Full PDB file with SEQRES, HELIX, SHEET, SSBOND, CRYST1, ORIGX, SCALE, CONECT and MASTER records, all heavy atoms in Angstrom:
SEQRES   1 A   38  ASP ILE ALA ARG VAL LEU ALA GLU CYS PRO GLU PRO ARG          
SEQRES   2 A   38  VAL LEU VAL THR THR PRO VAL HIS LEU ARG VAL MET LEU          
SEQRES   3 A   38  GLU SER GLN GLN ASN PHE PRO ARG LEU ALA ALA LEU              
HELIX    1 AA1 ILE A    2  ALA A    7  1                                   6    
HELIX    2 AA2 PRO A   19  SER A   28  1                                  10    
CRYST1    1.000    1.000    1.000  90.00  90.00  90.00 P 1           1          
ORIGX1      1.000000  0.000000  0.000000        0.00000                         
ORIGX2      0.000000  1.000000  0.000000        0.00000                         
ORIGX3      0.000000  0.000000  1.000000        0.00000                         
SCALE1      1.000000  0.000000  0.000000        0.00000                         
SCALE2      0.000000  1.000000  0.000000        0.00000                         
SCALE3      0.000000  0.000000  1.000000        0.00000                         
ATOM      1  N   ASP A   1       0.842  -1.208  -0.079  1.00  0.00           N  
ATOM      2  CA  ASP A   1       0.041   0.035  -0.019  1.00  0.00           C  
ATOM      3  C   ASP A   1       0.822   1.324   0.018  1.00  0.00           C  
ATOM      4  O   ASP A   1       0.551   2.292  -0.629  1.00  0.00           O  
ATOM      5  CB  ASP A   1      -0.876  -0.008   1.233  1.00  0.00           C  
ATOM      6  CG  ASP A   1      -1.964  -1.048   1.122  1.00  0.00           C  
ATOM      7  OD1 ASP A   1      -2.425  -1.449  -0.007  1.00  0.00           O  
ATOM      8  OD2 ASP A   1      -2.416  -1.692   2.123  1.00  0.00           O  
ATOM      9  N   ILE A   2       1.955   1.194   0.756  1.00  0.00           N  
ATOM     10  CA  ILE A   2       2.847   2.332   0.783  1.00  0.00           C  
ATOM     11  C   ILE A   2       3.334   2.595  -0.567  1.00  0.00           C  
ATOM     12  O   ILE A   2       3.552   3.738  -1.120  1.00  0.00           O  
ATOM     13  CB  ILE A   2       4.072   2.090   1.751  1.00  0.00           C  
ATOM     14  CG1 ILE A   2       3.476   2.021   3.146  1.00  0.00           C  
ATOM     15  CG2 ILE A   2       5.043   3.250   1.631  1.00  0.00           C  
ATOM     16  CD1 ILE A   2       4.530   1.610   4.260  1.00  0.00           C  
ATOM     17  N   ALA A   3       3.842   1.578  -1.334  1.00  0.00           N  
ATOM     18  CA  ALA A   3       4.394   1.696  -2.738  1.00  0.00           C  
ATOM     19  C   ALA A   3       3.352   2.200  -3.646  1.00  0.00           C  
ATOM     20  O   ALA A   3       3.591   3.080  -4.486  1.00  0.00           O  
ATOM     21  CB  ALA A   3       4.893   0.209  -3.293  1.00  0.00           C  
ATOM     22  N   ARG A   4       2.000   1.751  -3.508  1.00  0.00           N  
ATOM     23  CA  ARG A   4       0.970   2.154  -4.348  1.00  0.00           C  
ATOM     24  C   ARG A   4       0.723   3.759  -4.099  1.00  0.00           C  
ATOM     25  O   ARG A   4       0.563   4.431  -5.135  1.00  0.00           O  
ATOM     26  CB  ARG A   4      -0.256   1.409  -4.028  1.00  0.00           C  
ATOM     27  CG  ARG A   4      -1.568   1.910  -4.834  1.00  0.00           C  
ATOM     28  CD  ARG A   4      -2.898   1.155  -4.380  1.00  0.00           C  
ATOM     29  NE  ARG A   4      -3.016   1.156  -3.023  1.00  0.00           N  
ATOM     30  CZ  ARG A   4      -3.524   2.153  -2.281  1.00  0.00           C  
ATOM     31  NH1 ARG A   4      -3.930   3.241  -2.821  1.00  0.00           N  
ATOM     32  NH2 ARG A   4      -3.659   2.009  -0.968  1.00  0.00           N  
ATOM     33  N   VAL A   5       0.500   4.150  -2.980  1.00  0.00           N  
ATOM     34  CA  VAL A   5       0.378   5.528  -2.656  1.00  0.00           C  
ATOM     35  C   VAL A   5       1.516   6.423  -3.141  1.00  0.00           C  
ATOM     36  O   VAL A   5       1.239   7.499  -3.839  1.00  0.00           O  
ATOM     37  CB  VAL A   5      -0.015   5.724  -1.189  1.00  0.00           C  
ATOM     38  CG1 VAL A   5      -0.076   7.245  -0.951  1.00  0.00           C  
ATOM     39  CG2 VAL A   5      -1.225   5.016  -0.666  1.00  0.00           C  
ATOM     40  N   LEU A   6       2.726   5.950  -2.895  1.00  0.00           N  
ATOM     41  CA  LEU A   6       3.821   6.742  -3.453  1.00  0.00           C  
ATOM     42  C   LEU A   6       3.754   6.870  -5.011  1.00  0.00           C  
ATOM     43  O   LEU A   6       4.087   7.851  -5.575  1.00  0.00           O  
ATOM     44  CB  LEU A   6       5.227   6.016  -3.070  1.00  0.00           C  
ATOM     45  CG  LEU A   6       5.651   6.200  -1.590  1.00  0.00           C  
ATOM     46  CD1 LEU A   6       6.786   5.332  -1.317  1.00  0.00           C  
ATOM     47  CD2 LEU A   6       6.074   7.600  -1.341  1.00  0.00           C  
ATOM     48  N   ALA A   7       3.420   5.751  -5.639  1.00  0.00           N  
ATOM     49  CA  ALA A   7       3.347   5.677  -7.054  1.00  0.00           C  
ATOM     50  C   ALA A   7       2.205   6.678  -7.651  1.00  0.00           C  
ATOM     51  O   ALA A   7       2.252   7.158  -8.654  1.00  0.00           O  
ATOM     52  CB  ALA A   7       3.009   4.442  -7.640  1.00  0.00           C  
ATOM     53  N   GLU A   8       1.257   6.948  -6.773  1.00  0.00           N  
ATOM     54  CA  GLU A   8       0.112   7.918  -7.247  1.00  0.00           C  
ATOM     55  C   GLU A   8       0.446   9.288  -6.924  1.00  0.00           C  
ATOM     56  O   GLU A   8      -0.299  10.148  -7.511  1.00  0.00           O  
ATOM     57  CB  GLU A   8      -1.100   7.486  -6.347  1.00  0.00           C  
ATOM     58  CG  GLU A   8      -1.727   6.097  -6.641  1.00  0.00           C  
ATOM     59  CD  GLU A   8      -2.893   5.743  -5.819  1.00  0.00           C  
ATOM     60  OE1 GLU A   8      -3.012   6.427  -4.780  1.00  0.00           O  
ATOM     61  OE2 GLU A   8      -3.541   4.809  -6.233  1.00  0.00           O  
ATOM     62  N   CYS A   9       1.727   9.621  -6.391  1.00  0.00           N  
ATOM     63  CA  CYS A   9       2.165  11.008  -6.159  1.00  0.00           C  
ATOM     64  C   CYS A   9       3.285  11.349  -7.150  1.00  0.00           C  
ATOM     65  O   CYS A   9       4.097  10.478  -7.613  1.00  0.00           O  
ATOM     66  CB  CYS A   9       2.494  11.145  -4.812  1.00  0.00           C  
ATOM     67  SG  CYS A   9       1.281  10.892  -3.489  1.00  0.00           S  
ATOM     68  N   PRO A  10       3.414  12.547  -7.496  1.00  0.00           N  
ATOM     69  CA  PRO A  10       4.436  12.854  -8.491  1.00  0.00           C  
ATOM     70  C   PRO A  10       5.826  13.013  -7.802  1.00  0.00           C  
ATOM     71  O   PRO A  10       5.850  13.158  -6.511  1.00  0.00           O  
ATOM     72  CB  PRO A  10       4.034  14.209  -8.938  1.00  0.00           C  
ATOM     73  CG  PRO A  10       3.209  14.868  -7.839  1.00  0.00           C  
ATOM     74  CD  PRO A  10       2.408  13.603  -7.276  1.00  0.00           C  
ATOM     75  N   GLU A  11       6.900  12.906  -8.446  1.00  0.00           N  
ATOM     76  CA  GLU A  11       8.152  13.149  -7.882  1.00  0.00           C  
ATOM     77  C   GLU A  11       8.392  14.573  -7.851  1.00  0.00           C  
ATOM     78  O   GLU A  11       7.780  15.444  -8.572  1.00  0.00           O  
ATOM     79  CB  GLU A  11       9.297  12.619  -8.732  1.00  0.00           C  
ATOM     80  CG  GLU A  11       9.374  11.118  -8.828  1.00  0.00           C  
ATOM     81  CD  GLU A  11      10.554  10.632  -9.586  1.00  0.00           C  
ATOM     82  OE1 GLU A  11      11.445  10.582  -8.961  1.00  0.00           O  
ATOM     83  OE2 GLU A  11      10.377  10.158 -10.890  1.00  0.00           O  
ATOM     84  N   PRO A  12       9.289  15.024  -6.868  1.00  0.00           N  
ATOM     85  CA  PRO A  12       9.994  14.316  -5.871  1.00  0.00           C  
ATOM     86  C   PRO A  12       9.117  14.007  -4.692  1.00  0.00           C  
ATOM     87  O   PRO A  12       8.310  14.825  -4.252  1.00  0.00           O  
ATOM     88  CB  PRO A  12      11.156  15.181  -5.477  1.00  0.00           C  
ATOM     89  CG  PRO A  12      10.604  16.631  -5.754  1.00  0.00           C  
ATOM     90  CD  PRO A  12       9.656  16.600  -6.856  1.00  0.00           C  
ATOM     91  N   ARG A  13       9.310  12.717  -4.172  1.00  0.00           N  
ATOM     92  CA  ARG A  13       8.542  12.204  -3.116  1.00  0.00           C  
ATOM     93  C   ARG A  13       9.386  12.117  -1.742  1.00  0.00           C  
ATOM     94  O   ARG A  13      10.493  11.768  -1.933  1.00  0.00           O  
ATOM     95  CB  ARG A  13       7.968  10.793  -3.424  1.00  0.00           C  
ATOM     96  CG  ARG A  13       7.288  10.588  -4.889  1.00  0.00           C  
ATOM     97  CD  ARG A  13       6.968   9.264  -5.110  1.00  0.00           C  
ATOM     98  NE  ARG A  13       6.367   8.967  -6.479  1.00  0.00           N  
ATOM     99  CZ  ARG A  13       7.219   8.661  -7.414  1.00  0.00           C  
ATOM    100  NH1 ARG A  13       8.517   8.438  -7.185  1.00  0.00           N  
ATOM    101  NH2 ARG A  13       6.695   8.421  -8.679  1.00  0.00           N  
ATOM    102  N   VAL A  14       8.661  12.435  -0.713  1.00  0.00           N  
ATOM    103  CA  VAL A  14       9.242  12.166   0.604  1.00  0.00           C  
ATOM    104  C   VAL A  14       8.386  11.268   1.460  1.00  0.00           C  
ATOM    105  O   VAL A  14       7.171  11.447   1.527  1.00  0.00           O  
ATOM    106  CB  VAL A  14       9.309  13.539   1.315  1.00  0.00           C  
ATOM    107  CG1 VAL A  14       9.950  13.380   2.741  1.00  0.00           C  
ATOM    108  CG2 VAL A  14      10.216  14.471   0.455  1.00  0.00           C  
ATOM    109  N   LEU A  15       8.976  10.311   2.083  1.00  0.00           N  
ATOM    110  CA  LEU A  15       8.365   9.325   2.869  1.00  0.00           C  
ATOM    111  C   LEU A  15       8.420   9.690   4.421  1.00  0.00           C  
ATOM    112  O   LEU A  15       9.627   9.725   4.914  1.00  0.00           O  
ATOM    113  CB  LEU A  15       8.746   7.896   2.600  1.00  0.00           C  
ATOM    114  CG  LEU A  15       8.047   6.780   3.374  1.00  0.00           C  
ATOM    115  CD1 LEU A  15       6.638   6.821   3.125  1.00  0.00           C  
ATOM    116  CD2 LEU A  15       8.637   5.474   3.160  1.00  0.00           C  
ATOM    117  N   VAL A  16       7.373   9.851   5.082  1.00  0.00           N  
ATOM    118  CA  VAL A  16       7.455  10.186   6.600  1.00  0.00           C  
ATOM    119  C   VAL A  16       6.982   8.974   7.354  1.00  0.00           C  
ATOM    120  O   VAL A  16       5.874   8.447   7.205  1.00  0.00           O  
ATOM    121  CB  VAL A  16       6.477  11.362   6.840  1.00  0.00           C  
ATOM    122  CG1 VAL A  16       6.518  11.645   8.448  1.00  0.00           C  
ATOM    123  CG2 VAL A  16       6.846  12.661   6.057  1.00  0.00           C  
ATOM    124  N   THR A  17       7.882   8.271   8.026  1.00  0.00           N  
ATOM    125  CA  THR A  17       7.649   7.022   8.613  1.00  0.00           C  
ATOM    126  C   THR A  17       8.384   6.846   9.988  1.00  0.00           C  
ATOM    127  O   THR A  17       8.725   7.757  10.539  1.00  0.00           O  
ATOM    128  CB  THR A  17       8.084   5.952   7.590  1.00  0.00           C  
ATOM    129  OG1 THR A  17       7.726   4.692   8.041  1.00  0.00           O  
ATOM    130  CG2 THR A  17       9.592   6.026   7.334  1.00  0.00           C  
ATOM    131  N   THR A  18       8.466   5.560  10.388  1.00  0.00           N  
ATOM    132  CA  THR A  18       9.016   5.216  11.660  1.00  0.00           C  
ATOM    133  C   THR A  18       9.978   4.094  11.569  1.00  0.00           C  
ATOM    134  O   THR A  18       9.972   3.449  10.493  1.00  0.00           O  
ATOM    135  CB  THR A  18       7.841   4.770  12.701  1.00  0.00           C  
ATOM    136  OG1 THR A  18       7.363   3.535  12.166  1.00  0.00           O  
ATOM    137  CG2 THR A  18       6.758   5.756  12.816  1.00  0.00           C  
ATOM    138  N   PRO A  19      10.779   3.793  12.581  1.00  0.00           N  
ATOM    139  CA  PRO A  19      11.672   2.733  12.453  1.00  0.00           C  
ATOM    140  C   PRO A  19      11.000   1.287  12.286  1.00  0.00           C  
ATOM    141  O   PRO A  19      11.545   0.504  11.611  1.00  0.00           O  
ATOM    142  CB  PRO A  19      12.520   2.752  13.731  1.00  0.00           C  
ATOM    143  CG  PRO A  19      12.373   4.184  14.220  1.00  0.00           C  
ATOM    144  CD  PRO A  19      11.127   4.599  13.796  1.00  0.00           C  
ATOM    145  N   VAL A  20       9.838   1.215  12.874  1.00  0.00           N  
ATOM    146  CA  VAL A  20       9.112  -0.055  12.772  1.00  0.00           C  
ATOM    147  C   VAL A  20       8.628  -0.244  11.343  1.00  0.00           C  
ATOM    148  O   VAL A  20       8.845  -1.398  10.735  1.00  0.00           O  
ATOM    149  CB  VAL A  20       7.932  -0.164  13.774  1.00  0.00           C  
ATOM    150  CG1 VAL A  20       7.023  -1.296  13.350  1.00  0.00           C  
ATOM    151  CG2 VAL A  20       8.377  -0.212  15.175  1.00  0.00           C  
ATOM    152  N   HIS A  21       8.143   0.742  10.677  1.00  0.00           N  
ATOM    153  CA  HIS A  21       7.621   0.619   9.273  1.00  0.00           C  
ATOM    154  C   HIS A  21       8.929   0.475   8.406  1.00  0.00           C  
ATOM    155  O   HIS A  21       8.817  -0.258   7.436  1.00  0.00           O  
ATOM    156  CB  HIS A  21       6.963   1.914   8.901  1.00  0.00           C  
ATOM    157  CG  HIS A  21       5.432   1.922   9.224  1.00  0.00           C  
ATOM    158  ND1 HIS A  21       4.895   2.569  10.210  1.00  0.00           N  
ATOM    159  CD2 HIS A  21       4.428   1.057   8.891  1.00  0.00           C  
ATOM    160  CE1 HIS A  21       3.572   2.415  10.350  1.00  0.00           C  
ATOM    161  NE2 HIS A  21       3.337   1.349   9.529  1.00  0.00           N  
ATOM    162  N   LEU A  22       9.974   1.148   8.796  1.00  0.00           N  
ATOM    163  CA  LEU A  22      11.262   1.000   7.808  1.00  0.00           C  
ATOM    164  C   LEU A  22      11.625  -0.466   7.782  1.00  0.00           C  
ATOM    165  O   LEU A  22      12.002  -1.004   6.802  1.00  0.00           O  
ATOM    166  CB  LEU A  22      12.300   1.899   8.430  1.00  0.00           C  
ATOM    167  CG  LEU A  22      12.230   3.438   7.897  1.00  0.00           C  
ATOM    168  CD1 LEU A  22      13.344   4.067   8.671  1.00  0.00           C  
ATOM    169  CD2 LEU A  22      12.543   3.453   6.346  1.00  0.00           C  
ATOM    170  N   ARG A  23      11.647  -1.084   8.968  1.00  0.00           N  
ATOM    171  CA  ARG A  23      12.168  -2.431   9.022  1.00  0.00           C  
ATOM    172  C   ARG A  23      11.186  -3.366   8.229  1.00  0.00           C  
ATOM    173  O   ARG A  23      11.718  -4.255   7.541  1.00  0.00           O  
ATOM    174  CB  ARG A  23      12.202  -2.933  10.512  1.00  0.00           C  
ATOM    175  CG  ARG A  23      12.938  -4.170  10.874  1.00  0.00           C  
ATOM    176  CD  ARG A  23      13.060  -4.588  12.260  1.00  0.00           C  
ATOM    177  NE  ARG A  23      13.831  -3.516  12.921  1.00  0.00           N  
ATOM    178  CZ  ARG A  23      13.317  -2.553  13.918  1.00  0.00           C  
ATOM    179  NH1 ARG A  23      12.068  -2.649  14.254  1.00  0.00           N  
ATOM    180  NH2 ARG A  23      13.943  -1.760  14.585  1.00  0.00           N  
ATOM    181  N   VAL A  24       9.896  -3.201   8.427  1.00  0.00           N  
ATOM    182  CA  VAL A  24       8.933  -3.996   7.649  1.00  0.00           C  
ATOM    183  C   VAL A  24       9.084  -3.761   6.151  1.00  0.00           C  
ATOM    184  O   VAL A  24       9.063  -4.786   5.340  1.00  0.00           O  
ATOM    185  CB  VAL A  24       7.448  -3.694   8.110  1.00  0.00           C  
ATOM    186  CG1 VAL A  24       6.582  -4.419   7.219  1.00  0.00           C  
ATOM    187  CG2 VAL A  24       7.281  -4.101   9.568  1.00  0.00           C  
ATOM    188  N   MET A  25       9.375  -2.555   5.842  1.00  0.00           N  
ATOM    189  CA  MET A  25       9.532  -2.415   4.318  1.00  0.00           C  
ATOM    190  C   MET A  25      10.894  -2.975   3.755  1.00  0.00           C  
ATOM    191  O   MET A  25      10.825  -3.572   2.633  1.00  0.00           O  
ATOM    192  CB  MET A  25       9.564  -0.755   4.067  1.00  0.00           C  
ATOM    193  CG  MET A  25       8.113  -0.119   4.175  1.00  0.00           C  
ATOM    194  SD  MET A  25       8.136   1.596   3.669  1.00  0.00           S  
ATOM    195  CE  MET A  25       8.865   2.296   5.133  1.00  0.00           C  
ATOM    196  N   LEU A  26      11.826  -2.877   4.566  1.00  0.00           N  
ATOM    197  CA  LEU A  26      13.085  -3.590   4.061  1.00  0.00           C  
ATOM    198  C   LEU A  26      13.023  -4.985   3.990  1.00  0.00           C  
ATOM    199  O   LEU A  26      13.399  -5.680   3.055  1.00  0.00           O  
ATOM    200  CB  LEU A  26      14.220  -3.197   4.988  1.00  0.00           C  
ATOM    201  CG  LEU A  26      14.571  -1.721   5.043  1.00  0.00           C  
ATOM    202  CD1 LEU A  26      15.738  -1.483   6.190  1.00  0.00           C  
ATOM    203  CD2 LEU A  26      15.041  -1.178   3.743  1.00  0.00           C  
ATOM    204  N   GLU A  27      12.236  -5.686   4.909  1.00  0.00           N  
ATOM    205  CA  GLU A  27      12.170  -7.110   5.012  1.00  0.00           C  
ATOM    206  C   GLU A  27      11.148  -7.561   3.775  1.00  0.00           C  
ATOM    207  O   GLU A  27      11.348  -8.737   3.373  1.00  0.00           O  
ATOM    208  CB  GLU A  27      11.677  -7.545   6.284  1.00  0.00           C  
ATOM    209  CG  GLU A  27      12.713  -7.399   7.485  1.00  0.00           C  
ATOM    210  CD  GLU A  27      12.148  -7.647   8.768  1.00  0.00           C  
ATOM    211  OE1 GLU A  27      10.856  -7.796   8.922  1.00  0.00           O  
ATOM    212  OE2 GLU A  27      12.906  -7.675   9.667  1.00  0.00           O  
ATOM    213  N   SER A  28      10.252  -6.710   3.408  1.00  0.00           N  
ATOM    214  CA  SER A  28       9.238  -7.007   2.390  1.00  0.00           C  
ATOM    215  C   SER A  28       9.815  -7.208   0.960  1.00  0.00           C  
ATOM    216  O   SER A  28       9.429  -8.021   0.154  1.00  0.00           O  
ATOM    217  CB  SER A  28       8.185  -6.022   2.338  1.00  0.00           C  
ATOM    218  OG  SER A  28       8.567  -4.939   1.639  1.00  0.00           O  
ATOM    219  N   GLN A  29      11.023  -6.485   0.754  1.00  0.00           N  
ATOM    220  CA  GLN A  29      11.634  -6.464  -0.512  1.00  0.00           C  
ATOM    221  C   GLN A  29      10.678  -6.001  -1.630  1.00  0.00           C  
ATOM    222  O   GLN A  29      10.776  -6.424  -2.813  1.00  0.00           O  
ATOM    223  CB  GLN A  29      12.199  -7.847  -0.977  1.00  0.00           C  
ATOM    224  CG  GLN A  29      13.430  -8.253   0.007  1.00  0.00           C  
ATOM    225  CD  GLN A  29      14.532  -7.325  -0.150  1.00  0.00           C  
ATOM    226  OE1 GLN A  29      15.053  -7.029  -1.283  1.00  0.00           O  
ATOM    227  NE2 GLN A  29      15.011  -6.802   1.075  1.00  0.00           N  
ATOM    228  N   GLN A  30       9.808  -5.267  -1.336  1.00  0.00           N  
ATOM    229  CA  GLN A  30       8.778  -4.634  -2.256  1.00  0.00           C  
ATOM    230  C   GLN A  30       9.510  -3.706  -3.016  1.00  0.00           C  
ATOM    231  O   GLN A  30      10.486  -2.932  -2.607  1.00  0.00           O  
ATOM    232  CB  GLN A  30       7.648  -3.872  -1.362  1.00  0.00           C  
ATOM    233  CG  GLN A  30       6.659  -3.047  -2.151  1.00  0.00           C  
ATOM    234  CD  GLN A  30       5.713  -3.960  -2.879  1.00  0.00           C  
ATOM    235  OE1 GLN A  30       5.166  -4.865  -2.382  1.00  0.00           O  
ATOM    236  NE2 GLN A  30       5.258  -3.546  -4.103  1.00  0.00           N  
ATOM    237  N   ASN A  31       9.058  -3.490  -4.267  1.00  0.00           N  
ATOM    238  CA  ASN A  31       9.691  -2.508  -5.197  1.00  0.00           C  
ATOM    239  C   ASN A  31       8.854  -1.150  -4.910  1.00  0.00           C  
ATOM    240  O   ASN A  31       7.555  -1.086  -4.959  1.00  0.00           O  
ATOM    241  CB  ASN A  31       9.486  -2.858  -6.683  1.00  0.00           C  
ATOM    242  CG  ASN A  31      10.348  -3.923  -7.022  1.00  0.00           C  
ATOM    243  OD1 ASN A  31      11.518  -4.227  -6.654  1.00  0.00           O  
ATOM    244  ND2 ASN A  31       9.895  -4.906  -7.867  1.00  0.00           N  
ATOM    245  N   PHE A  32       9.547  -0.150  -4.554  1.00  0.00           N  
ATOM    246  CA  PHE A  32       9.091   1.140  -4.210  1.00  0.00           C  
ATOM    247  C   PHE A  32       9.429   2.219  -5.228  1.00  0.00           C  
ATOM    248  O   PHE A  32      10.615   2.188  -5.799  1.00  0.00           O  
ATOM    249  CB  PHE A  32       9.554   1.584  -2.955  1.00  0.00           C  
ATOM    250  CG  PHE A  32       9.028   0.832  -1.582  1.00  0.00           C  
ATOM    251  CD1 PHE A  32       9.764  -0.325  -1.244  1.00  0.00           C  
ATOM    252  CD2 PHE A  32       7.858   1.221  -1.188  1.00  0.00           C  
ATOM    253  CE1 PHE A  32       9.271  -1.084  -0.229  1.00  0.00           C  
ATOM    254  CE2 PHE A  32       7.408   0.427  -0.047  1.00  0.00           C  
ATOM    255  CZ  PHE A  32       8.022  -0.774   0.506  1.00  0.00           C  
ATOM    256  N   PRO A  33       8.710   3.210  -5.524  1.00  0.00           N  
ATOM    257  CA  PRO A  33       8.986   4.197  -6.376  1.00  0.00           C  
ATOM    258  C   PRO A  33      10.209   5.130  -5.866  1.00  0.00           C  
ATOM    259  O   PRO A  33      10.495   4.988  -4.647  1.00  0.00           O  
ATOM    260  CB  PRO A  33       7.713   5.086  -6.477  1.00  0.00           C  
ATOM    261  CG  PRO A  33       6.560   4.177  -6.117  1.00  0.00           C  
ATOM    262  CD  PRO A  33       7.172   3.216  -5.070  1.00  0.00           C  
ATOM    263  N   ARG A  34      10.773   5.764  -6.685  1.00  0.00           N  
ATOM    264  CA  ARG A  34      11.941   6.599  -6.202  1.00  0.00           C  
ATOM    265  C   ARG A  34      11.591   7.566  -5.189  1.00  0.00           C  
ATOM    266  O   ARG A  34      10.678   8.302  -5.352  1.00  0.00           O  
ATOM    267  CB  ARG A  34      12.622   7.232  -7.562  1.00  0.00           C  
ATOM    268  CG  ARG A  34      13.989   7.895  -7.196  1.00  0.00           C  
ATOM    269  CD  ARG A  34      14.694   8.257  -8.443  1.00  0.00           C  
ATOM    270  NE  ARG A  34      13.919   8.947  -9.450  1.00  0.00           N  
ATOM    271  CZ  ARG A  34      14.270   9.311 -10.641  1.00  0.00           C  
ATOM    272  NH1 ARG A  34      15.555   8.898 -11.109  1.00  0.00           N  
ATOM    273  NH2 ARG A  34      13.446   9.862 -11.528  1.00  0.00           N  
ATOM    274  N   LEU A  35      12.467   7.835  -4.183  1.00  0.00           N  
ATOM    275  CA  LEU A  35      12.190   8.791  -3.150  1.00  0.00           C  
ATOM    276  C   LEU A  35      13.278   9.798  -3.265  1.00  0.00           C  
ATOM    277  O   LEU A  35      14.472   9.530  -3.652  1.00  0.00           O  
ATOM    278  CB  LEU A  35      12.308   8.176  -1.687  1.00  0.00           C  
ATOM    279  CG  LEU A  35      11.176   7.191  -1.449  1.00  0.00           C  
ATOM    280  CD1 LEU A  35      11.357   6.558  -0.102  1.00  0.00           C  
ATOM    281  CD2 LEU A  35       9.787   7.790  -1.532  1.00  0.00           C  
ATOM    282  N   ALA A  36      12.930  11.103  -2.901  1.00  0.00           N  
ATOM    283  CA  ALA A  36      13.986  12.165  -2.629  1.00  0.00           C  
ATOM    284  C   ALA A  36      14.556  12.241  -1.303  1.00  0.00           C  
ATOM    285  O   ALA A  36      15.682  12.529  -1.096  1.00  0.00           O  
ATOM    286  CB  ALA A  36      13.357  13.414  -2.981  1.00  0.00           C  
ATOM    287  N   ALA A  37      13.733  11.688  -0.275  1.00  0.00           N  
ATOM    288  CA  ALA A  37      14.180  11.764   1.116  1.00  0.00           C  
ATOM    289  C   ALA A  37      13.200  10.992   1.942  1.00  0.00           C  
ATOM    290  O   ALA A  37      12.129  10.599   1.588  1.00  0.00           O  
ATOM    291  CB  ALA A  37      14.300  13.101   1.669  1.00  0.00           C  
ATOM    292  N   LEU A  38      13.781  10.580   3.192  1.00  0.00           N  
ATOM    293  CA  LEU A  38      12.939   9.819   4.252  1.00  0.00           C  
ATOM    294  C   LEU A  38      13.112  10.575   5.461  1.00  0.00           C  
ATOM    295  O   LEU A  38      14.225  11.142   5.772  1.00  0.00           O  
ATOM    296  CB  LEU A  38      13.305   8.398   4.464  1.00  0.00           C  
ATOM    297  CG  LEU A  38      13.329   7.372   3.247  1.00  0.00           C  
ATOM    298  CD1 LEU A  38      14.772   7.221   2.565  1.00  0.00           C  
ATOM    299  CD2 LEU A  38      12.759   6.053   3.760  1.00  0.00           C  
TER     300      LEU A  38                                                      
MASTER        0    0    0    2    0    0    0    6  299    1    0    3          
END                                                                             
């Protein structure tokens, strides 16, 4: 869902998140759209 919402937004994109969500995203190996910053 994070990847989908990011893809629906134009670049440059910034992701506002937490350590818990970061760990889950890294473990998922999901393909995410390009980010400018976190």
